[in-house]
Every structure is written in C-alpha cells, then in structure tokens.
Amino acid sequence: MKLIGQNSISKYLSHFFFIGFLGFLFYLLYFLFGFFICYLNYKEGFEIFSNTFFVEKKIFTSGIFDFFTINFPFTKTPLIEAVYNIRSFLGITIGLIYFIIFFYSSYRIMKFLVNDKIFTINIIKWTKIFTINNLIFLILFVVLWYFTWKIITLVELILYIFTISFFIIVSLFVIEFLKKGNLIQSENDLTI
C-alpha cells in the first residue's frame, strides 16, 4: 500500500484523525456543559442531572477537597473526576483544545497528502498550524506546571517537553521540505 495518493495509508489516517478530532470535540463540549451543570448544582443549589454531574467532598491525607464528577451519559461510570477548582478546569480545557487542534490539523495534512499535488501552500499552512499548536501547548504546559499544577514529577515534565519538542522539530523540517517541494513544483509547472 502506498503512503501518499489515492487509496493510501494517508487516506485512512485522515479518517482516523478526523474521528479523533470529533471525539475530542465532543469530549470538550460535554466537559464544558458538565462543568457548568456542576457549578449550577453546587453553587446555586439546583438538581439538574444530579446523578450525572455532581460535586462532593473527598477526604485525603492533605485535606478535604471538593471533587467534581462528570459521568458518561446515562451511566454512573465517571468520565472525568478532578478537584473542583479553576486549575482543573483550565488544565482539562487547555488539554482538550490542544488535542482538538492536533487531530484536526493532522487530518487536514493527511487529506492534502491524498491529492496528486502534495506540495501546496495549504499543506504548508496546516503543518505550520500543527507546529504552532504544539509550541503554544508546550509553553502553556511548562508555565502552568511551574506556577500552579505540579501534579506530575519533574521527570515526567521533562519527558513531555522532549516528546512535544520532537514533534515541533520534525514539523519544522517537514515545513522546509514542503516549501522546497512547492518551489520545485511551481518551477516545473512554469516550464511545462
């Protein structure tokens, strides 16, 4: 099977990335809706879907914390459980937005690799979006870890930094490769 072109791995990967995009988009929308309902139930005393979206106190060795739980729809199985505060809200929201952009830009890149002309301005644009998304997430992740979270260890943080930096570096090389390919393809189109 071919890597690029019609009926290639790129075509099937584009479907996979699109499904991932839709999954994370639904997850974000459901989380935002659920967090809002948790807020209404906890702060305002409402009882809206109180079996699915609720806040309860949990006791840990470091103290008593308010935990919010968002269950899978129509079940009692937790989808998200975290401390009910702005840090958890920001962390989950930023992470989900990162993955939405990650999967959508990957989908668009793979979609362009199915075409006959792959060295186009559009594929360069979406590869740049992919790179910028990774760079912004890396910076936000490190800053938020340093100032607020510290949920993960320093070793895990370094592992995340290296992994995302690898994506960024490879993307920068791919962008340059695509620019050169676009230039050569444009010159060939002019000579024909």
N, C-alpha and C. Protein backbone atom coordinates (compact mmCIF):
# COMPACT_ATOMS: atom_id res chain seq x y z
N MET A 1 0.84 -1.18 0.00
CA MET A 1 0.00 0.00 0.00
C MET A 1 0.89 1.25 0.00
N LYS A 2 0.46 2.25 -0.73
CA LYS A 2 1.22 3.49 -0.85
C LYS A 2 1.07 4.35 0.41
N LEU A 3 2.05 5.22 0.63
CA LEU A 3 1.98 6.15 1.75
C LEU A 3 1.15 7.37 1.42
N ILE A 4 1.28 7.87 0.17
CA ILE A 4 0.53 9.05 -0.25
C ILE A 4 -0.21 8.76 -1.54
N GLY A 5 -1.23 9.56 -1.82
CA GLY A 5 -2.02 9.37 -3.03
C GLY A 5 -3.37 8.73 -2.71
N GLN A 6 -4.14 8.49 -3.78
CA GLN A 6 -5.45 7.86 -3.63
C GLN A 6 -5.29 6.44 -3.10
N ASN A 7 -6.23 6.01 -2.27
CA ASN A 7 -6.23 4.67 -1.68
C ASN A 7 -4.89 4.35 -1.00
N SER A 8 -4.43 5.26 -0.17
CA SER A 8 -3.15 5.11 0.51
C SER A 8 -3.35 5.13 2.03
N ILE A 9 -2.26 4.93 2.73
CA ILE A 9 -2.28 5.00 4.19
C ILE A 9 -2.71 6.39 4.64
N SER A 10 -2.31 7.42 3.91
CA SER A 10 -2.69 8.80 4.25
C SER A 10 -4.21 8.97 4.28
N LYS A 11 -4.88 8.34 3.35
CA LYS A 11 -6.34 8.44 3.29
C LYS A 11 -6.97 7.85 4.56
N TYR A 12 -6.49 6.68 4.96
CA TYR A 12 -7.05 6.03 6.15
C TYR A 12 -6.64 6.75 7.43
N LEU A 13 -5.43 7.28 7.45
CA LEU A 13 -5.01 8.08 8.61
C LEU A 13 -5.84 9.35 8.73
N SER A 14 -6.21 9.94 7.59
CA SER A 14 -7.04 11.15 7.65
C SER A 14 -8.38 10.83 8.30
N HIS A 15 -8.95 9.66 7.99
CA HIS A 15 -10.21 9.25 8.63
C HIS A 15 -10.01 9.06 10.13
N PHE A 16 -8.91 8.42 10.51
CA PHE A 16 -8.60 8.20 11.92
C PHE A 16 -8.47 9.54 12.65
N PHE A 17 -7.73 10.48 12.07
CA PHE A 17 -7.54 11.78 12.71
C PHE A 17 -8.85 12.56 12.79
N PHE A 18 -9.71 12.41 11.78
CA PHE A 18 -10.99 13.11 11.82
C PHE A 18 -11.88 12.55 12.92
N ILE A 19 -11.87 11.24 13.09
CA ILE A 19 -12.64 10.62 14.18
C ILE A 19 -12.08 11.07 15.53
N GLY A 20 -10.75 11.14 15.65
CA GLY A 20 -10.14 11.66 16.88
C GLY A 20 -10.54 13.09 17.15
N PHE A 21 -10.56 13.91 16.10
CA PHE A 21 -10.99 15.31 16.23
C PHE A 21 -12.43 15.38 16.74
N LEU A 22 -13.33 14.61 16.13
CA LEU A 22 -14.73 14.63 16.56
C LEU A 22 -14.88 14.14 18.00
N GLY A 23 -14.12 13.10 18.35
CA GLY A 23 -14.17 12.56 19.71
C GLY A 23 -13.75 13.59 20.75
N PHE A 24 -12.63 14.26 20.51
CA PHE A 24 -12.16 15.27 21.46
C PHE A 24 -13.05 16.51 21.47
N LEU A 25 -13.63 16.86 20.32
CA LEU A 25 -14.56 17.99 20.27
C LEU A 25 -15.80 17.68 21.11
N PHE A 26 -16.34 16.48 20.95
CA PHE A 26 -17.49 16.07 21.77
C PHE A 26 -17.11 16.07 23.25
N TYR A 27 -15.93 15.54 23.55
CA TYR A 27 -15.44 15.47 24.93
C TYR A 27 -15.36 16.87 25.53
N LEU A 28 -14.82 17.85 24.79
CA LEU A 28 -14.71 19.22 25.29
C LEU A 28 -16.09 19.82 25.52
N LEU A 29 -16.99 19.68 24.55
CA LEU A 29 -18.33 20.24 24.70
C LEU A 29 -19.07 19.61 25.88
N TYR A 30 -18.94 18.30 26.02
CA TYR A 30 -19.59 17.60 27.13
C TYR A 30 -18.98 18.03 28.47
N PHE A 31 -17.66 18.20 28.50
CA PHE A 31 -16.99 18.66 29.72
C PHE A 31 -17.45 20.07 30.10
N LEU A 32 -17.49 20.99 29.13
CA LEU A 32 -17.92 22.36 29.43
C LEU A 32 -19.37 22.39 29.91
N PHE A 33 -20.22 21.62 29.25
CA PHE A 33 -21.61 21.52 29.68
C PHE A 33 -21.69 20.93 31.09
N GLY A 34 -20.96 19.84 31.32
CA GLY A 34 -20.98 19.18 32.62
C GLY A 34 -20.42 20.05 33.74
N PHE A 35 -19.35 20.78 33.45
CA PHE A 35 -18.77 21.66 34.47
C PHE A 35 -19.75 22.78 34.82
N PHE A 36 -20.43 23.31 33.81
CA PHE A 36 -21.43 24.35 34.04
C PHE A 36 -22.58 23.81 34.90
N ILE A 37 -23.04 22.60 34.60
CA ILE A 37 -24.11 21.99 35.39
C ILE A 37 -23.63 21.72 36.81
N CYS A 38 -22.38 21.26 36.96
CA CYS A 38 -21.81 21.06 38.31
C CYS A 38 -21.82 22.37 39.08
N TYR A 39 -21.46 23.45 38.40
CA TYR A 39 -21.46 24.77 39.04
C TYR A 39 -22.87 25.13 39.51
N LEU A 40 -23.86 24.97 38.63
CA LEU A 40 -25.24 25.30 38.99
C LEU A 40 -25.72 24.44 40.15
N ASN A 41 -25.41 23.15 40.11
CA ASN A 41 -25.85 22.25 41.18
C ASN A 41 -25.16 22.56 42.50
N TYR A 42 -23.88 22.89 42.45
CA TYR A 42 -23.10 23.08 43.68
C TYR A 42 -23.28 24.48 44.27
N LYS A 43 -23.17 25.49 43.45
CA LYS A 43 -23.20 26.87 43.95
C LYS A 43 -24.61 27.43 44.08
N GLU A 44 -25.48 27.04 43.15
CA GLU A 44 -26.83 27.62 43.14
C GLU A 44 -27.89 26.70 43.74
N GLY A 45 -27.52 25.45 44.04
CA GLY A 45 -28.45 24.53 44.68
C GLY A 45 -29.44 23.86 43.75
N PHE A 46 -29.19 23.89 42.46
CA PHE A 46 -30.07 23.20 41.51
C PHE A 46 -29.85 21.69 41.60
N GLU A 47 -30.76 20.94 41.02
CA GLU A 47 -30.65 19.48 40.96
C GLU A 47 -30.76 19.01 39.51
N ILE A 48 -30.01 19.64 38.61
CA ILE A 48 -30.07 19.31 37.19
C ILE A 48 -29.14 18.13 36.92
N PHE A 49 -29.68 17.04 36.42
CA PHE A 49 -28.90 15.83 36.12
C PHE A 49 -27.93 15.52 37.27
N SER A 50 -28.43 15.53 38.48
CA SER A 50 -27.56 15.43 39.66
C SER A 50 -26.91 14.06 39.81
N ASN A 51 -27.38 13.04 39.11
CA ASN A 51 -26.71 11.74 39.14
C ASN A 51 -25.55 11.68 38.15
N THR A 52 -25.56 12.57 37.17
CA THR A 52 -24.53 12.57 36.13
C THR A 52 -23.47 13.62 36.38
N PHE A 53 -23.86 14.78 36.88
CA PHE A 53 -22.93 15.89 37.13
C PHE A 53 -23.06 16.31 38.59
N PHE A 54 -22.02 16.10 39.38
CA PHE A 54 -22.13 16.47 40.79
C PHE A 54 -20.76 16.80 41.38
N VAL A 55 -20.83 17.50 42.52
CA VAL A 55 -19.63 17.86 43.28
C VAL A 55 -19.81 17.27 44.67
N GLU A 56 -18.75 16.62 45.17
CA GLU A 56 -18.80 16.05 46.52
C GLU A 56 -17.47 16.28 47.22
N LYS A 57 -17.50 16.21 48.51
CA LYS A 57 -16.27 16.38 49.29
C LYS A 57 -15.59 15.03 49.43
N LYS A 58 -14.25 15.03 49.23
CA LYS A 58 -13.46 13.81 49.40
C LYS A 58 -12.33 14.12 50.37
N ILE A 59 -12.05 13.16 51.23
CA ILE A 59 -11.02 13.33 52.25
C ILE A 59 -9.73 12.66 51.79
N PHE A 60 -8.65 13.42 51.84
CA PHE A 60 -7.32 12.92 51.53
C PHE A 60 -6.42 13.23 52.71
N THR A 61 -5.21 12.70 52.70
CA THR A 61 -4.27 12.98 53.78
C THR A 61 -3.89 14.46 53.83
N SER A 62 -3.96 15.13 52.69
CA SER A 62 -3.61 16.55 52.65
C SER A 62 -4.80 17.47 52.93
N GLY A 63 -5.99 16.90 53.16
CA GLY A 63 -7.14 17.73 53.48
C GLY A 63 -8.42 17.25 52.82
N ILE A 64 -9.44 18.06 52.96
CA ILE A 64 -10.74 17.78 52.35
C ILE A 64 -10.88 18.67 51.11
N PHE A 65 -11.24 18.04 50.00
CA PHE A 65 -11.34 18.76 48.74
C PHE A 65 -12.71 18.53 48.11
N ASP A 66 -13.19 19.54 47.39
CA ASP A 66 -14.38 19.38 46.58
C ASP A 66 -13.96 18.74 45.26
N PHE A 67 -14.58 17.61 44.93
CA PHE A 67 -14.30 16.90 43.69
C PHE A 67 -15.53 16.96 42.81
N PHE A 68 -15.34 17.28 41.53
CA PHE A 68 -16.48 17.22 40.62
C PHE A 68 -16.37 15.94 39.82
N THR A 69 -17.52 15.38 39.50
CA THR A 69 -17.59 14.15 38.71
C THR A 69 -18.54 14.38 37.56
N ILE A 70 -18.07 14.02 36.38
CA ILE A 70 -18.91 14.04 35.18
C ILE A 70 -18.95 12.61 34.67
N ASN A 71 -20.12 11.99 34.74
CA ASN A 71 -20.26 10.60 34.31
C ASN A 71 -20.53 10.52 32.81
N PHE A 72 -20.25 9.33 32.25
CA PHE A 72 -20.67 9.06 30.88
C PHE A 72 -22.18 9.24 30.81
N PRO A 73 -22.69 9.70 29.67
CA PRO A 73 -24.14 9.90 29.57
C PRO A 73 -24.92 8.62 29.87
N PHE A 74 -25.95 8.74 30.69
CA PHE A 74 -26.88 7.67 31.03
C PHE A 74 -26.23 6.52 31.80
N THR A 75 -25.09 6.77 32.44
CA THR A 75 -24.44 5.74 33.26
C THR A 75 -23.98 6.37 34.57
N LYS A 76 -23.45 5.53 35.44
CA LYS A 76 -22.83 6.02 36.67
C LYS A 76 -21.32 5.85 36.61
N THR A 77 -20.79 5.64 35.41
CA THR A 77 -19.35 5.47 35.21
C THR A 77 -18.71 6.83 35.00
N PRO A 78 -17.72 7.20 35.83
CA PRO A 78 -17.10 8.53 35.71
C PRO A 78 -16.30 8.68 34.41
N LEU A 79 -16.53 9.79 33.74
CA LEU A 79 -15.73 10.17 32.58
C LEU A 79 -14.59 11.07 33.03
N ILE A 80 -14.92 12.01 33.92
CA ILE A 80 -13.92 12.94 34.45
C ILE A 80 -14.17 13.08 35.95
N GLU A 81 -13.09 12.98 36.72
CA GLU A 81 -13.13 13.28 38.14
C GLU A 81 -11.91 14.12 38.45
N ALA A 82 -12.12 15.26 39.09
CA ALA A 82 -10.99 16.11 39.43
C ALA A 82 -11.39 17.06 40.55
N VAL A 83 -10.39 17.70 41.12
CA VAL A 83 -10.65 18.71 42.14
C VAL A 83 -11.45 19.84 41.49
N TYR A 84 -12.47 20.30 42.20
CA TYR A 84 -13.35 21.33 41.67
C TYR A 84 -12.72 22.70 41.92
N ASN A 85 -11.88 23.13 40.97
CA ASN A 85 -11.26 24.47 41.06
C ASN A 85 -10.90 24.94 39.65
N ILE A 86 -10.43 26.17 39.57
CA ILE A 86 -10.12 26.76 38.27
C ILE A 86 -8.92 26.09 37.62
N ARG A 87 -7.97 25.59 38.41
CA ARG A 87 -6.80 24.92 37.84
C ARG A 87 -7.20 23.66 37.08
N SER A 88 -8.09 22.87 37.67
CA SER A 88 -8.55 21.67 36.98
C SER A 88 -9.31 22.03 35.71
N PHE A 89 -10.17 23.04 35.82
CA PHE A 89 -10.94 23.48 34.65
C PHE A 89 -10.00 23.92 33.53
N LEU A 90 -9.02 24.77 33.86
CA LEU A 90 -8.07 25.25 32.85
C LEU A 90 -7.24 24.10 32.27
N GLY A 91 -6.75 23.24 33.14
CA GLY A 91 -5.91 22.13 32.67
C GLY A 91 -6.64 21.22 31.70
N ILE A 92 -7.86 20.84 32.06
CA ILE A 92 -8.63 19.95 31.19
C ILE A 92 -9.00 20.66 29.89
N THR A 93 -9.44 21.91 29.99
CA THR A 93 -9.85 22.66 28.80
C THR A 93 -8.67 22.87 27.85
N ILE A 94 -7.53 23.30 28.37
CA ILE A 94 -6.34 23.52 27.52
C ILE A 94 -5.91 22.21 26.87
N GLY A 95 -5.90 21.13 27.64
CA GLY A 95 -5.51 19.83 27.08
C GLY A 95 -6.44 19.38 25.97
N LEU A 96 -7.74 19.54 26.17
CA LEU A 96 -8.69 19.12 25.14
C LEU A 96 -8.61 19.99 23.90
N ILE A 97 -8.44 21.30 24.08
CA ILE A 97 -8.28 22.18 22.91
C ILE A 97 -7.02 21.81 22.14
N TYR A 98 -5.94 21.50 22.86
CA TYR A 98 -4.71 21.08 22.19
C TYR A 98 -4.97 19.85 21.32
N PHE A 99 -5.63 18.85 21.87
CA PHE A 99 -5.87 17.63 21.10
C PHE A 99 -6.85 17.84 19.95
N ILE A 100 -7.81 18.74 20.12
CA ILE A 100 -8.72 19.06 19.02
C ILE A 100 -7.94 19.65 17.85
N ILE A 101 -7.10 20.63 18.13
CA ILE A 101 -6.30 21.25 17.06
C ILE A 101 -5.28 20.26 16.51
N PHE A 102 -4.68 19.45 17.38
CA PHE A 102 -3.72 18.43 16.96
C PHE A 102 -4.35 17.47 15.95
N PHE A 103 -5.50 16.92 16.30
CA PHE A 103 -6.15 15.94 15.41
C PHE A 103 -6.71 16.60 14.16
N TYR A 104 -7.27 17.81 14.28
CA TYR A 104 -7.83 18.45 13.08
C TYR A 104 -6.72 18.85 12.11
N SER A 105 -5.63 19.42 12.60
CA SER A 105 -4.55 19.80 11.69
C SER A 105 -3.90 18.55 11.09
N SER A 106 -3.79 17.47 11.86
CA SER A 106 -3.27 16.21 11.31
C SER A 106 -4.20 15.67 10.23
N TYR A 107 -5.50 15.78 10.47
CA TYR A 107 -6.49 15.37 9.47
C TYR A 107 -6.32 16.15 8.18
N ARG A 108 -6.18 17.48 8.30
CA ARG A 108 -6.03 18.32 7.11
C ARG A 108 -4.74 18.00 6.36
N ILE A 109 -3.65 17.78 7.09
CA ILE A 109 -2.37 17.44 6.46
C ILE A 109 -2.51 16.13 5.69
N MET A 110 -3.10 15.11 6.32
CA MET A 110 -3.26 13.81 5.66
C MET A 110 -4.20 13.93 4.46
N LYS A 111 -5.20 14.79 4.57
CA LYS A 111 -6.13 14.99 3.46
C LYS A 111 -5.40 15.54 2.23
N PHE A 112 -4.45 16.46 2.46
CA PHE A 112 -3.68 17.01 1.34
C PHE A 112 -2.72 15.98 0.76
N LEU A 113 -2.28 15.03 1.56
CA LEU A 113 -1.36 14.00 1.05
C LEU A 113 -2.06 13.00 0.14
N VAL A 114 -3.37 13.01 0.13
CA VAL A 114 -4.13 12.13 -0.76
C VAL A 114 -4.17 12.70 -2.18
N ASN A 115 -4.04 14.02 -2.31
CA ASN A 115 -4.09 14.68 -3.63
C ASN A 115 -2.87 14.34 -4.48
N ASP A 116 -3.01 14.59 -5.79
CA ASP A 116 -1.89 14.37 -6.70
C ASP A 116 -0.78 15.39 -6.47
N LYS A 117 -1.16 16.65 -6.24
CA LYS A 117 -0.18 17.70 -5.95
C LYS A 117 -0.12 17.88 -4.43
N ILE A 118 0.95 17.39 -3.83
CA ILE A 118 1.02 17.48 -2.37
C ILE A 118 1.78 18.71 -1.89
N PHE A 119 2.62 19.28 -2.73
CA PHE A 119 3.42 20.44 -2.32
C PHE A 119 2.64 21.72 -2.59
N THR A 120 1.65 21.97 -1.74
CA THR A 120 0.80 23.15 -1.92
C THR A 120 0.96 24.09 -0.72
N ILE A 121 0.48 25.29 -0.91
CA ILE A 121 0.50 26.29 0.17
C ILE A 121 -0.36 25.82 1.34
N ASN A 122 -1.47 25.14 1.04
CA ASN A 122 -2.38 24.70 2.10
C ASN A 122 -1.74 23.68 3.04
N ILE A 123 -1.00 22.73 2.50
CA ILE A 123 -0.37 21.75 3.38
C ILE A 123 0.71 22.41 4.23
N ILE A 124 1.39 23.41 3.67
CA ILE A 124 2.39 24.15 4.45
C ILE A 124 1.68 24.91 5.57
N LYS A 125 0.54 25.53 5.25
CA LYS A 125 -0.23 26.29 6.25
C LYS A 125 -0.66 25.39 7.41
N TRP A 126 -1.20 24.21 7.09
CA TRP A 126 -1.69 23.33 8.15
C TRP A 126 -0.55 22.69 8.94
N THR A 127 0.58 22.49 8.30
CA THR A 127 1.75 21.99 9.05
C THR A 127 2.26 23.07 10.00
N LYS A 128 2.18 24.33 9.58
CA LYS A 128 2.55 25.43 10.49
C LYS A 128 1.58 25.51 11.66
N ILE A 129 0.29 25.35 11.40
CA ILE A 129 -0.70 25.36 12.47
C ILE A 129 -0.42 24.23 13.46
N PHE A 130 -0.10 23.05 12.93
CA PHE A 130 0.26 21.90 13.77
C PHE A 130 1.45 22.24 14.66
N THR A 131 2.47 22.87 14.07
CA THR A 131 3.69 23.22 14.81
C THR A 131 3.41 24.29 15.86
N ILE A 132 2.67 25.32 15.48
CA ILE A 132 2.35 26.40 16.43
C ILE A 132 1.50 25.86 17.58
N ASN A 133 0.56 24.97 17.29
CA ASN A 133 -0.26 24.35 18.33
C ASN A 133 0.63 23.63 19.35
N ASN A 134 1.59 22.85 18.85
CA ASN A 134 2.49 22.14 19.75
C ASN A 134 3.35 23.10 20.57
N LEU A 135 3.83 24.16 19.94
CA LEU A 135 4.67 25.13 20.63
C LEU A 135 3.89 25.87 21.72
N ILE A 136 2.69 26.32 21.40
CA ILE A 136 1.86 27.02 22.39
C ILE A 136 1.53 26.10 23.56
N PHE A 137 1.16 24.85 23.23
CA PHE A 137 0.83 23.91 24.30
C PHE A 137 2.04 23.64 25.19
N LEU A 138 3.21 23.49 24.57
CA LEU A 138 4.42 23.24 25.35
C LEU A 138 4.70 24.40 26.31
N ILE A 139 4.61 25.62 25.82
CA ILE A 139 4.85 26.79 26.66
C ILE A 139 3.81 26.87 27.78
N LEU A 140 2.53 26.72 27.45
CA LEU A 140 1.47 26.76 28.47
C LEU A 140 1.65 25.66 29.50
N PHE A 141 2.00 24.47 29.03
CA PHE A 141 2.16 23.33 29.93
C PHE A 141 3.27 23.59 30.94
N VAL A 142 4.41 24.08 30.47
CA VAL A 142 5.54 24.34 31.37
C VAL A 142 5.20 25.48 32.33
N VAL A 143 4.61 26.56 31.82
CA VAL A 143 4.28 27.71 32.68
C VAL A 143 3.25 27.32 33.73
N LEU A 144 2.18 26.64 33.31
CA LEU A 144 1.16 26.24 34.27
C LEU A 144 1.69 25.22 35.26
N TRP A 145 2.56 24.32 34.80
CA TRP A 145 3.16 23.36 35.73
C TRP A 145 3.99 24.09 36.77
N TYR A 146 4.80 25.03 36.33
CA TYR A 146 5.69 25.74 37.25
C TYR A 146 4.92 26.56 38.28
N PHE A 147 3.87 27.25 37.83
CA PHE A 147 3.18 28.17 38.73
C PHE A 147 2.02 27.54 39.50
N THR A 148 1.37 26.53 38.96
CA THR A 148 0.16 26.06 39.66
C THR A 148 0.07 24.55 39.84
N TRP A 149 0.29 23.76 38.82
CA TRP A 149 -0.09 22.35 38.91
C TRP A 149 0.85 21.54 39.77
N LYS A 150 2.01 21.27 39.26
CA LYS A 150 3.00 20.40 39.90
C LYS A 150 2.38 19.05 40.29
N ILE A 151 1.43 18.60 39.47
CA ILE A 151 0.79 17.30 39.70
C ILE A 151 1.74 16.19 39.28
N ILE A 152 2.49 16.43 38.22
CA ILE A 152 3.42 15.43 37.72
C ILE A 152 4.82 15.76 38.23
N THR A 153 5.68 14.76 38.19
CA THR A 153 7.05 14.96 38.67
C THR A 153 7.87 15.70 37.61
N LEU A 154 9.02 16.15 38.02
CA LEU A 154 9.92 16.85 37.10
C LEU A 154 10.36 15.92 35.97
N VAL A 155 10.57 14.65 36.28
CA VAL A 155 10.99 13.69 35.25
C VAL A 155 9.89 13.54 34.19
N GLU A 156 8.63 13.46 34.63
CA GLU A 156 7.52 13.37 33.68
C GLU A 156 7.42 14.65 32.85
N LEU A 157 7.63 15.79 33.48
CA LEU A 157 7.61 17.06 32.76
C LEU A 157 8.67 17.07 31.67
N ILE A 158 9.88 16.64 32.01
CA ILE A 158 10.96 16.60 31.02
C ILE A 158 10.61 15.65 29.88
N LEU A 159 9.98 14.52 30.19
CA LEU A 159 9.55 13.58 29.15
C LEU A 159 8.53 14.24 28.22
N TYR A 160 7.56 14.96 28.78
CA TYR A 160 6.59 15.68 27.95
C TYR A 160 7.27 16.74 27.09
N ILE A 161 8.22 17.46 27.69
CA ILE A 161 8.93 18.50 26.94
C ILE A 161 9.67 17.89 25.76
N PHE A 162 10.38 16.79 25.98
CA PHE A 162 11.12 16.15 24.89
C PHE A 162 10.18 15.61 23.81
N THR A 163 9.08 15.02 24.22
CA THR A 163 8.14 14.46 23.24
C THR A 163 7.54 15.56 22.36
N ILE A 164 7.04 16.61 22.97
CA ILE A 164 6.43 17.69 22.19
C ILE A 164 7.49 18.44 21.39
N SER A 165 8.68 18.62 21.96
CA SER A 165 9.77 19.27 21.22
C SER A 165 10.14 18.45 19.98
N PHE A 166 10.09 17.13 20.10
CA PHE A 166 10.36 16.27 18.95
C PHE A 166 9.35 16.53 17.84
N PHE A 167 8.06 16.63 18.20
CA PHE A 167 7.02 16.96 17.21
C PHE A 167 7.31 18.30 16.54
N ILE A 168 7.71 19.28 17.34
CA ILE A 168 7.98 20.62 16.81
C ILE A 168 9.15 20.59 15.85
N ILE A 169 10.24 19.94 16.23
CA ILE A 169 11.45 19.90 15.38
C ILE A 169 11.17 19.16 14.08
N VAL A 170 10.51 18.01 14.17
CA VAL A 170 10.17 17.26 12.95
C VAL A 170 9.25 18.10 12.06
N SER A 171 8.29 18.79 12.66
CA SER A 171 7.38 19.64 11.88
C SER A 171 8.12 20.76 11.17
N LEU A 172 9.10 21.35 11.84
CA LEU A 172 9.88 22.42 11.20
C LEU A 172 10.66 21.89 9.99
N PHE A 173 11.22 20.69 10.12
CA PHE A 173 11.91 20.08 8.97
C PHE A 173 10.93 19.78 7.84
N VAL A 174 9.75 19.27 8.19
CA VAL A 174 8.74 18.96 7.18
C VAL A 174 8.28 20.24 6.47
N ILE A 175 8.12 21.33 7.22
CA ILE A 175 7.72 22.60 6.60
C ILE A 175 8.76 23.04 5.57
N GLU A 176 10.03 22.97 5.93
CA GLU A 176 11.09 23.35 4.97
C GLU A 176 11.09 22.43 3.76
N PHE A 177 10.90 21.14 3.99
CA PHE A 177 10.83 20.17 2.89
C PHE A 177 9.66 20.50 1.97
N LEU A 178 8.51 20.82 2.56
CA LEU A 178 7.33 21.16 1.75
C LEU A 178 7.52 22.46 0.98
N LYS A 179 8.19 23.44 1.59
CA LYS A 179 8.47 24.70 0.89
C LYS A 179 9.36 24.46 -0.32
N LYS A 180 10.41 23.65 -0.15
CA LYS A 180 11.30 23.32 -1.28
C LYS A 180 10.52 22.58 -2.36
N GLY A 181 9.70 21.62 -1.94
CA GLY A 181 8.89 20.87 -2.90
C GLY A 181 7.92 21.76 -3.64
N ASN A 182 7.33 22.71 -2.94
CA ASN A 182 6.41 23.66 -3.57
C ASN A 182 7.14 24.52 -4.59
N LEU A 183 8.35 24.97 -4.25
CA LEU A 183 9.15 25.79 -5.16
C LEU A 183 9.50 25.00 -6.42
N ILE A 184 9.97 23.78 -6.25
CA ILE A 184 10.34 22.94 -7.41
C ILE A 184 9.10 22.62 -8.25
N GLN A 185 7.99 22.31 -7.59
CA GLN A 185 6.76 22.00 -8.32
C GLN A 185 6.28 23.22 -9.10
N SER A 186 6.39 24.42 -8.52
CA SER A 186 5.99 25.65 -9.21
C SER A 186 6.88 25.91 -10.41
N GLU A 187 8.19 25.69 -10.26
CA GLU A 187 9.12 25.88 -11.38
C GLU A 187 8.82 24.90 -12.50
N ASN A 188 8.50 23.65 -12.14
CA ASN A 188 8.17 22.65 -13.16
C ASN A 188 6.87 23.01 -13.88
N ASP A 189 5.90 23.54 -13.15
CA ASP A 189 4.64 23.95 -13.77
C ASP A 189 4.86 25.09 -14.75
N LEU A 190 5.80 25.99 -14.43
CA LEU A 190 6.09 27.12 -15.32
C LEU A 190 6.81 26.66 -16.59
N THR A 191 7.68 25.67 -16.49
CA THR A 191 8.44 25.22 -17.67
C THR A 191 7.61 24.35 -18.59
N ILE A 192 6.55 23.77 -18.10
CA ILE A 192 5.71 22.91 -18.94
C ILE A 192 4.79 23.76 -19.72
